[in-house]
Amino acid sequence: MKRFVLSICSLFMVMLTNAQGYQFPLPDYTPSAENIASRNDFQDMKFGLFIHWGIYSILGDGEWVMHNENIPYNNYKRLADFFNPQGFNAKEWVQLAKAAGMKYITITSRHHDGFSMFKTAASPYNIVDATPYHKDPLLELATECEKEGIKIHFYYSLLDWGRQDYGYGKPIVNGAPENTDWNSYISFMKKQLTELLTNYPAVTGIWFDGHWERLNANWHYNEIYSLIHQLNPKALIGNNHHMATLQGEDFQMFEKDLPGENKTGFSGNSKVGSLPLETCETINNSWGFNINDRNYKSVKQIVQMLVNAAGRDANFLLNIGPMPNGKIQPEFTDTLTKVGAWMKQNGQSIYGTRGGAVPPQSWGVVTEKNKTWYVHILHQLKQPYIFIPAANKKVTKAVVISSGKTLKYKQQPEGIFVYMNDAPVDDIDTIIELQTQ
């Protein structure tokens, strides 16, 4: 009974923290002109490639394999001894992203297992010093991204299953794990973040994860966020904490949920704010390489996720988990190439647009750019017309993008009726361009 009571108390404290938000100091933050420009550029890009890659890929069971299989940390660390991804080619990865129509890459610099996928002086547990590979793939990737005009963001885990000063599993007392040198861990993270923001070209964002493991800890965001913005004012900060955004953050992300939804259970406290938005999803059911996961999403599913995100004014970050040899499996490359073909034909209805002028409808969503509305019909219609609740817009022309066919429409006080009689229907997305005044 005591254990049950303690569990209820613990649950109450977690709920209380969620309800009240983060309880520790935050930076006094006014975004710079460079940061505002980066935010606008970020919103224009709309489509990015998420990459989860680390020594966990050797075991082929996802990035949580150490935790899920209860592998002792000192045993798990031996994976570094034979991580030698000779098949890695930064140019191939960047060209794949470009072929898919993606404008930025977010890659894991350090995941929850604590292994750094970059050269760092803060710990010998990194790909250059602890593996036979002895190269820095993140430097190669960042250099290639800069060359090809692709932005790069670094995923960085706040959570660490192995470091003593993190004290995984220890209770939090007064904002820090009990009997642990928490300040040492904060200092370690600041050193690594300084390296990532100063030693790598084209870096325009830090994607934090792991806050949710310690909701009542003092993560020292007043120091960490201020450091990032000082080192690189244009860099965007996002935090996958599953809450409303905090002071000092520049964009809001949603894990496997569209903004405003909570199908995963992660987003119940993620009230949609005014910052740029991003939703992330996996190309199969795994973030890291999983040799048994063949639940590959189709081109249609991926395109419709991208369109649904854009219609909600959010970017779409699609994840792949490269193999331990550094290659990306052909099931992923084939699908991404086909998505890129769709984007090449229809990208004007996605890139540089904004969503939210019209709420999502039963038939699909609307994106907007200048005086043009792009109506994305994603679902089969039950009647030969669509209704757009937009009484404040005057339509001058309605055209199906794929065929150039002009459609009849009727402007009413309550909105716009567009008649689809004899209009060609696309199985993935029928896009109608509405010219407005």
Protein backbone atom coordinates (compact mmCIF):
# COMPACT_ATOMS: atom_id res chain seq x y z
CA MET A 1 0.00 0.00 0.00
CA LYS A 2 2.85 2.45 0.80
CA ARG A 3 4.35 1.84 -2.63
CA PHE A 4 0.96 2.59 -4.22
CA VAL A 5 0.57 5.80 -2.23
CA LEU A 6 4.06 6.93 -3.18
CA SER A 7 3.31 6.24 -6.84
CA ILE A 8 0.16 8.35 -6.65
CA CYS A 9 2.12 11.16 -5.00
CA SER A 10 4.82 10.96 -7.67
CA LEU A 11 2.20 11.03 -10.42
CA PHE A 12 0.58 14.06 -8.80
CA MET A 13 3.90 15.91 -8.73
CA VAL A 14 4.49 15.15 -12.41
CA MET A 15 0.99 16.37 -13.28
CA LEU A 16 1.53 19.49 -11.16
CA THR A 17 4.79 20.25 -12.92
CA ASN A 18 3.16 19.74 -16.32
CA ALA A 19 0.25 21.98 -15.39
CA GLN A 20 2.44 24.78 -14.04
CA GLY A 21 5.26 24.53 -16.55
CA TYR A 22 8.99 24.84 -15.96
CA GLN A 23 9.71 26.23 -12.48
CA PHE A 24 13.32 27.39 -12.79
CA PRO A 25 15.04 30.53 -14.17
CA LEU A 26 14.79 31.22 -17.89
CA PRO A 27 16.73 33.76 -19.95
CA ASP A 28 15.54 37.29 -20.50
CA TYR A 29 15.36 36.81 -24.25
CA THR A 30 14.62 39.14 -27.13
CA PRO A 31 15.34 37.44 -30.47
CA SER A 32 17.88 39.19 -32.67
CA ALA A 33 17.22 40.33 -36.22
CA GLU A 34 19.31 37.36 -37.42
CA ASN A 35 17.16 35.01 -35.36
CA ILE A 36 13.91 36.43 -36.74
CA ALA A 37 15.29 35.98 -40.25
CA SER A 38 16.22 32.37 -39.41
CA ARG A 39 12.70 31.74 -38.14
CA ASN A 40 11.19 33.01 -41.38
CA ASP A 41 13.64 30.97 -43.43
CA PHE A 42 12.83 27.91 -41.31
CA GLN A 43 9.11 28.33 -41.97
CA ASP A 44 9.75 28.67 -45.71
CA MET A 45 11.74 25.42 -45.92
CA LYS A 46 8.82 23.24 -44.79
CA PHE A 47 10.51 19.83 -45.30
CA GLY A 48 13.51 18.37 -43.47
CA LEU A 49 15.39 15.11 -42.99
CA PHE A 50 15.74 13.75 -39.45
CA ILE A 51 18.61 11.29 -38.91
CA HIS A 52 19.04 9.03 -35.86
CA TRP A 53 22.45 7.38 -36.12
CA GLY A 54 24.85 6.09 -33.47
CA ILE A 55 26.58 3.00 -32.11
CA TYR A 56 23.13 1.59 -31.26
CA SER A 57 22.63 0.99 -34.98
CA ILE A 58 25.04 -1.96 -34.71
CA LEU A 59 22.45 -3.92 -32.73
CA GLY A 60 19.70 -3.17 -35.26
CA ASP A 61 17.01 -2.67 -32.63
CA GLY A 62 16.47 1.07 -32.45
CA GLU A 63 18.12 3.85 -30.48
CA TRP A 64 16.61 2.75 -27.15
CA VAL A 65 18.14 -0.75 -27.29
CA MET A 66 20.50 -0.19 -24.32
CA HIS A 67 17.58 0.84 -22.12
CA ASN A 68 15.01 -1.63 -23.44
CA GLU A 69 17.30 -4.66 -23.24
CA ASN A 70 18.82 -3.63 -19.89
CA ILE A 71 22.35 -3.72 -21.27
CA PRO A 72 24.84 -2.58 -18.61
CA TYR A 73 26.47 0.69 -19.57
CA ASN A 74 30.03 -0.64 -19.44
CA ASN A 75 29.03 -3.54 -21.69
CA TYR A 76 27.18 -1.29 -24.11
CA LYS A 77 30.20 1.00 -24.44
CA ARG A 78 32.09 -1.85 -26.12
CA LEU A 79 30.01 -1.24 -29.25
CA ALA A 80 32.27 1.72 -29.92
CA ASP A 81 35.22 -0.67 -30.37
CA PHE A 82 33.77 -1.99 -33.62
CA PHE A 83 31.74 0.94 -34.95
CA ASN A 84 33.47 1.60 -38.26
CA PRO A 85 31.01 3.06 -40.81
CA GLN A 86 33.20 2.91 -43.89
CA GLY A 87 30.14 3.25 -46.13
CA PHE A 88 29.29 6.73 -44.85
CA ASN A 89 29.37 9.38 -47.56
CA ALA A 90 28.25 12.87 -46.59
CA LYS A 91 27.71 13.90 -50.20
CA GLU A 92 25.37 10.96 -50.80
CA TRP A 93 23.31 11.81 -47.71
CA VAL A 94 22.97 15.47 -48.67
CA GLN A 95 22.14 14.63 -52.28
CA LEU A 96 19.44 12.25 -51.06
CA ALA A 97 17.91 15.01 -48.95
CA LYS A 98 17.98 17.38 -51.92
CA ALA A 99 16.47 14.75 -54.23
CA ALA A 100 13.63 14.32 -51.73
CA GLY A 101 12.93 18.06 -51.78
CA MET A 102 14.22 18.60 -48.25
CA LYS A 103 15.77 21.91 -47.27
CA TYR A 104 17.42 21.05 -43.94
CA ILE A 105 18.85 18.13 -41.97
CA THR A 106 18.58 17.47 -38.24
CA ILE A 107 20.98 14.78 -37.02
CA THR A 108 21.73 13.22 -33.63
CA SER A 109 24.97 14.61 -32.25
CA ARG A 110 24.48 12.79 -28.94
CA HIS A 111 21.59 10.52 -27.98
CA HIS A 112 20.44 9.14 -24.62
CA ASP A 113 23.21 6.51 -24.61
CA GLY A 114 25.69 9.38 -24.16
CA PHE A 115 27.86 8.55 -27.18
CA SER A 116 28.96 11.64 -29.11
CA MET A 117 28.88 11.34 -32.90
CA PHE A 118 31.36 14.20 -33.24
CA LYS A 119 34.87 15.13 -32.11
CA THR A 120 34.63 16.55 -28.61
CA ALA A 121 37.19 17.51 -25.99
CA ALA A 122 34.55 17.15 -23.27
CA SER A 123 34.62 13.32 -23.31
CA PRO A 124 36.70 10.54 -24.92
CA TYR A 125 33.42 8.66 -25.53
CA ASN A 126 33.08 9.93 -29.10
CA ILE A 127 33.32 8.60 -32.64
CA VAL A 128 36.79 10.03 -33.30
CA ASP A 129 38.51 8.87 -30.11
CA ALA A 130 36.60 5.71 -29.17
CA THR A 131 36.07 3.94 -32.50
CA PRO A 132 38.31 2.53 -35.24
CA TYR A 133 36.64 4.98 -37.64
CA HIS A 134 38.56 7.98 -36.20
CA LYS A 135 36.64 10.49 -38.36
CA ASP A 136 34.02 13.13 -37.61
CA PRO A 137 30.95 12.45 -39.81
CA LEU A 138 29.12 15.48 -38.47
CA LEU A 139 31.88 17.78 -39.66
CA GLU A 140 31.79 16.17 -43.09
CA LEU A 141 28.01 16.43 -43.20
CA ALA A 142 27.94 20.06 -42.04
CA THR A 143 30.60 20.98 -44.61
CA GLU A 144 28.64 19.31 -47.40
CA CYS A 145 25.40 20.95 -46.26
CA GLU A 146 27.02 24.37 -46.42
CA LYS A 147 28.31 23.60 -49.90
CA GLU A 148 24.86 22.54 -51.14
CA GLY A 149 22.80 25.20 -49.40
CA ILE A 150 21.18 22.80 -46.95
CA LYS A 151 20.73 23.99 -43.37
CA ILE A 152 21.81 21.69 -40.55
CA HIS A 153 20.43 21.34 -37.02
CA PHE A 154 21.94 19.20 -34.28
CA TYR A 155 19.78 16.97 -32.11
CA TYR A 156 21.24 16.99 -28.59
CA SER A 157 20.08 14.75 -25.73
CA LEU A 158 19.72 16.30 -22.30
CA LEU A 159 19.25 12.78 -20.91
CA ASP A 160 22.26 10.52 -20.41
CA TRP A 161 21.91 6.90 -19.26
CA GLY A 162 25.56 6.46 -18.40
CA ARG A 163 27.34 9.52 -17.01
CA GLN A 164 27.83 9.52 -13.25
CA ASP A 165 27.14 13.25 -12.95
CA TYR A 166 23.77 12.82 -14.65
CA GLY A 167 22.75 10.25 -12.05
CA TYR A 168 20.16 8.40 -14.10
CA GLY A 169 17.41 6.98 -11.89
CA LYS A 170 18.25 9.09 -8.84
CA PRO A 171 15.48 11.15 -7.23
CA ILE A 172 15.45 14.88 -7.87
CA VAL A 173 15.92 17.06 -4.79
CA ASN A 174 15.81 20.84 -5.10
CA GLY A 175 16.11 20.66 -8.87
CA ALA A 176 19.08 18.26 -9.04
CA PRO A 177 19.61 14.48 -8.81
CA GLU A 178 20.44 13.43 -5.27
CA ASN A 179 24.13 12.92 -4.39
CA THR A 180 25.26 13.86 -7.89
CA ASP A 181 27.43 16.66 -9.23
CA TRP A 182 24.67 18.16 -11.38
CA ASN A 183 26.69 21.33 -12.04
CA SER A 184 29.39 19.16 -13.59
CA TYR A 185 26.86 17.70 -16.02
CA ILE A 186 25.52 21.14 -16.96
CA SER A 187 29.11 22.28 -17.55
CA PHE A 188 29.74 19.23 -19.75
CA MET A 189 26.71 20.03 -21.92
CA LYS A 190 27.73 23.67 -22.26
CA LYS A 191 31.19 22.62 -23.44
CA GLN A 192 29.74 20.30 -26.08
CA LEU A 193 27.18 22.83 -27.27
CA THR A 194 29.94 25.41 -27.60
CA GLU A 195 31.85 22.96 -29.82
CA LEU A 196 28.81 22.21 -31.97
CA LEU A 197 28.07 25.89 -32.50
CA THR A 198 31.62 27.01 -33.21
CA ASN A 199 33.38 24.10 -34.95
CA TYR A 200 30.72 23.20 -37.53
CA PRO A 201 29.64 25.33 -40.50
CA ALA A 202 26.05 26.11 -41.47
CA VAL A 203 24.60 25.21 -38.05
CA THR A 204 21.28 26.98 -37.62
CA GLY A 205 19.53 25.01 -34.89
CA ILE A 206 19.74 22.89 -31.73
CA TRP A 207 17.02 20.25 -31.20
CA PHE A 208 16.91 19.27 -27.51
CA ASP A 209 15.35 16.04 -26.24
CA GLY A 210 15.09 14.28 -22.86
CA HIS A 211 13.67 17.02 -20.64
CA TRP A 212 10.61 14.81 -20.07
CA GLU A 213 12.78 12.30 -18.11
CA ARG A 214 13.22 14.90 -15.34
CA LEU A 215 10.31 17.28 -15.29
CA ASN A 216 11.23 18.69 -11.89
CA ALA A 217 14.94 19.21 -12.59
CA ASN A 218 16.66 22.54 -13.07
CA TRP A 219 18.11 22.21 -16.56
CA HIS A 220 19.78 25.62 -16.32
CA TYR A 221 18.13 26.85 -19.50
CA ASN A 222 18.91 30.41 -18.46
CA GLU A 223 22.58 29.51 -18.98
CA ILE A 224 22.28 27.03 -21.85
CA TYR A 225 19.86 29.00 -24.03
CA SER A 226 21.74 32.25 -23.43
CA LEU A 227 25.01 30.56 -24.37
CA ILE A 228 23.59 29.31 -27.68
CA HIS A 229 22.15 32.67 -28.66
CA GLN A 230 25.37 34.41 -27.67
CA LEU A 231 27.53 32.04 -29.73
CA ASN A 232 25.21 32.10 -32.73
CA PRO A 233 22.36 34.66 -32.63
CA LYS A 234 20.74 33.18 -35.74
CA ALA A 235 20.60 29.65 -34.28
CA LEU A 236 17.13 28.36 -33.48
CA ILE A 237 16.42 26.50 -30.24
CA GLY A 238 13.70 23.88 -29.98
CA ASN A 239 13.01 21.52 -27.09
CA ASN A 240 11.04 18.30 -27.30
CA HIS A 241 9.78 18.67 -23.73
CA HIS A 242 6.11 18.07 -24.66
CA MET A 243 5.00 21.32 -23.02
CA ALA A 244 4.16 24.83 -24.09
CA THR A 245 7.26 26.68 -25.28
CA LEU A 246 9.59 28.30 -22.77
CA GLN A 247 11.23 31.71 -22.83
CA GLY A 248 14.40 31.48 -24.92
CA GLU A 249 13.06 28.96 -27.46
CA ASP A 250 12.61 29.79 -31.15
CA PHE A 251 10.42 27.02 -32.53
CA GLN A 252 7.99 24.44 -31.18
CA MET A 253 8.09 20.76 -32.13
CA PHE A 254 5.55 17.97 -31.90
CA GLU A 255 6.69 14.34 -31.75
CA LYS A 256 4.62 12.10 -34.06
CA ASP A 257 1.68 14.52 -33.73
CA LEU A 258 0.39 17.35 -35.86
CA PRO A 259 0.03 20.67 -34.00
CA GLY A 260 -3.17 20.61 -32.00
CA GLU A 261 -3.39 16.81 -31.95
CA ASN A 262 -2.48 14.35 -29.21
CA LYS A 263 -2.76 10.90 -30.78
CA THR A 264 0.52 9.74 -29.22
CA GLY A 265 -0.11 10.98 -25.70
CA PHE A 266 3.04 13.14 -25.92
CA SER A 267 1.31 16.42 -26.77
CA GLY A 268 -1.34 16.79 -24.08
CA ASN A 269 0.45 19.79 -22.57
CA SER A 270 1.88 21.12 -25.82
CA LYS A 271 -0.39 24.10 -26.30
CA VAL A 272 0.23 25.47 -29.79
CA GLY A 273 1.99 28.81 -29.49
CA SER A 274 3.03 31.61 -31.80
CA LEU A 275 6.53 30.33 -32.64
CA PRO A 276 7.34 28.44 -35.87
CA LEU A 277 6.11 24.86 -35.71
CA GLU A 278 7.58 21.48 -36.65
CA THR A 279 6.23 17.95 -36.49
CA CYS A 280 8.47 14.89 -36.75
CA GLU A 281 7.63 11.35 -37.81
CA THR A 282 9.46 8.14 -38.75
CA ILE A 283 9.64 6.61 -42.23
CA ASN A 284 8.87 3.21 -40.66
CA ASN A 285 8.10 2.70 -36.96
CA SER A 286 11.64 3.24 -35.64
CA TRP A 287 13.87 6.24 -35.09
CA GLY A 288 17.18 4.33 -35.12
CA PHE A 289 18.06 1.49 -37.49
CA ASN A 290 15.84 -1.53 -36.83
CA ILE A 291 16.57 -4.58 -38.92
CA ASN A 292 13.14 -6.12 -38.27
CA ASP A 293 11.01 -3.04 -38.88
CA ARG A 294 9.48 -3.29 -42.34
CA ASN A 295 6.50 -1.04 -41.65
CA TYR A 296 7.54 1.37 -44.36
CA LYS A 297 5.31 4.36 -45.00
CA SER A 298 4.20 4.82 -48.58
CA VAL A 299 4.84 7.85 -50.77
CA LYS A 300 1.17 8.76 -50.34
CA GLN A 301 1.38 8.62 -46.55
CA ILE A 302 4.51 10.76 -46.45
CA VAL A 303 3.21 13.38 -48.88
CA GLN A 304 -0.07 13.65 -47.02
CA MET A 305 1.78 14.04 -43.69
CA LEU A 306 3.84 16.84 -45.24
CA VAL A 307 0.75 18.53 -46.68
CA ASN A 308 -1.20 18.18 -43.43
CA ALA A 309 1.69 19.76 -41.53
CA ALA A 310 1.98 22.64 -44.00
CA GLY A 311 -1.77 23.25 -43.77
CA ARG A 312 -1.31 23.67 -40.02
CA ASP A 313 1.59 26.07 -40.59
CA ALA A 314 4.20 23.50 -39.55
CA ASN A 315 7.34 22.00 -41.04
CA PHE A 316 7.56 18.25 -41.53
CA LEU A 317 10.73 16.50 -40.31
CA LEU A 318 10.89 12.93 -41.65
CA ASN A 319 13.22 10.52 -39.87
CA ILE A 320 15.44 7.75 -41.19
CA GLY A 321 17.83 5.47 -39.28
CA PRO A 322 20.97 4.73 -41.34
CA MET A 323 22.62 1.32 -41.10
CA PRO A 324 25.77 0.82 -38.98
CA ASN A 325 27.95 0.83 -42.10
CA GLY A 326 26.83 4.40 -42.86
CA LYS A 327 24.56 3.47 -45.76
CA ILE A 328 20.88 4.33 -45.98
CA GLN A 329 18.76 1.32 -46.82
CA PRO A 330 17.28 1.24 -50.34
CA GLU A 331 13.69 1.04 -49.06
CA PHE A 332 14.20 4.56 -47.70
CA THR A 333 16.10 6.01 -50.65
CA ASP A 334 13.58 4.70 -53.18
CA THR A 335 10.65 6.23 -51.30
CA LEU A 336 12.39 9.55 -50.67
CA THR A 337 13.28 9.87 -54.36
CA LYS A 338 9.61 9.40 -55.29
CA VAL A 339 8.54 11.94 -52.69
CA GLY A 340 11.06 14.31 -54.27
CA ALA A 341 9.49 13.81 -57.69
CA TRP A 342 6.14 14.84 -56.20
CA MET A 343 7.73 17.87 -54.57
CA LYS A 344 9.39 18.90 -57.82
CA GLN A 345 5.99 19.00 -59.48
CA ASN A 346 3.96 20.45 -56.61
CA GLY A 347 6.46 22.19 -54.35
CA GLN A 348 5.10 25.65 -55.11
CA SER A 349 2.07 24.72 -53.00
CA ILE A 350 4.33 23.85 -50.01
CA TYR A 351 7.58 25.87 -49.99
CA GLY A 352 7.27 29.40 -48.67
CA THR A 353 3.62 28.97 -47.78
CA ARG A 354 1.83 29.56 -44.52
CA GLY A 355 -1.05 27.58 -43.10
CA GLY A 356 -3.79 28.30 -40.65
CA ALA A 357 -5.83 30.86 -42.60
CA VAL A 358 -8.39 28.09 -43.06
CA PRO A 359 -8.66 25.39 -40.37
CA PRO A 360 -8.26 21.76 -41.51
CA GLN A 361 -11.38 20.46 -43.24
CA SER A 362 -12.81 16.96 -43.72
CA TRP A 363 -11.48 16.97 -47.29
CA GLY A 364 -7.99 18.37 -46.55
CA VAL A 365 -6.12 21.62 -45.87
CA VAL A 366 -5.22 24.99 -47.37
CA THR A 367 -1.79 26.61 -47.72
CA GLU A 368 -1.28 30.27 -48.63
CA LYS A 369 1.40 32.30 -50.39
CA ASN A 370 0.92 35.94 -51.28
CA LYS A 371 -2.54 36.15 -52.89
CA THR A 372 -2.67 32.49 -53.85
CA TRP A 373 -4.41 29.78 -51.88
CA TYR A 374 -3.53 26.14 -52.52
CA VAL A 375 -6.43 23.87 -51.71
CA HIS A 376 -5.21 20.32 -50.99
CA ILE A 377 -7.93 17.70 -51.36
CA LEU A 378 -6.58 14.63 -49.57
CA HIS A 379 -9.74 12.58 -49.06
CA GLN A 380 -12.53 11.32 -51.24
CA LEU A 381 -15.42 13.76 -51.53
CA LYS A 382 -18.96 12.83 -50.57
CA GLN A 383 -20.38 15.54 -52.82
CA PRO A 384 -19.24 17.10 -56.12
CA TYR A 385 -17.92 20.26 -54.45
CA ILE A 386 -15.82 21.49 -51.56
CA PHE A 387 -16.68 24.30 -49.18
CA ILE A 388 -13.99 26.65 -47.86
CA PRO A 389 -15.03 28.76 -44.87
CA ALA A 390 -13.30 31.95 -45.97
CA ALA A 391 -15.75 34.84 -46.11
CA ASN A 392 -13.02 37.52 -46.15
CA LYS A 393 -11.43 36.43 -49.44
CA LYS A 394 -12.53 37.36 -52.95
CA VAL A 395 -11.68 34.58 -55.43
CA THR A 396 -10.92 35.53 -59.01
CA LYS A 397 -9.95 32.14 -60.46
CA ALA A 398 -9.88 28.42 -59.53
CA VAL A 399 -7.57 26.05 -61.42
CA VAL A 400 -6.51 22.43 -60.95
CA ILE A 401 -2.70 22.60 -60.91
CA SER A 402 -2.02 19.22 -62.50
CA SER A 403 -4.21 19.76 -65.58
CA GLY A 404 -4.77 23.51 -65.81
CA LYS A 405 -8.52 22.88 -65.82
CA THR A 406 -10.57 25.88 -64.70
CA LEU A 407 -13.26 25.16 -62.12
CA LYS A 408 -16.52 26.89 -61.37
CA TYR A 409 -16.92 28.43 -57.95
CA LYS A 410 -19.43 30.46 -56.01
CA GLN A 411 -18.64 33.11 -53.43
CA GLN A 412 -21.13 33.24 -50.56
CA PRO A 413 -21.14 35.28 -47.32
CA GLU A 414 -20.22 32.14 -45.38
CA GLY A 415 -17.43 31.05 -47.71
CA ILE A 416 -16.49 29.62 -51.09
CA PHE A 417 -17.98 26.68 -52.94
CA VAL A 418 -15.67 25.12 -55.54
CA TYR A 419 -17.35 22.65 -57.89
CA MET A 420 -15.37 19.55 -58.77
CA ASN A 421 -17.55 18.20 -61.60
CA ASP A 422 -15.37 16.41 -64.17
CA ALA A 423 -12.21 17.63 -62.44
CA PRO A 424 -9.32 15.12 -62.49
CA VAL A 425 -8.79 13.60 -59.05
CA ASP A 426 -5.35 12.65 -57.79
CA ASP A 427 -5.08 9.71 -55.39
CA ILE A 428 -2.46 11.49 -53.28
CA ASP A 429 -3.46 15.16 -53.39
CA THR A 430 -5.70 17.07 -55.79
CA ILE A 431 -4.39 20.65 -55.64
CA ILE A 432 -6.55 23.59 -56.65
CA GLU A 433 -4.98 27.01 -57.01
CA LEU A 434 -7.27 29.83 -55.96
CA GLN A 435 -6.28 33.34 -57.05
CA THR A 436 -7.62 35.89 -54.57
CA GLN A 437 -7.81 39.61 -54.09
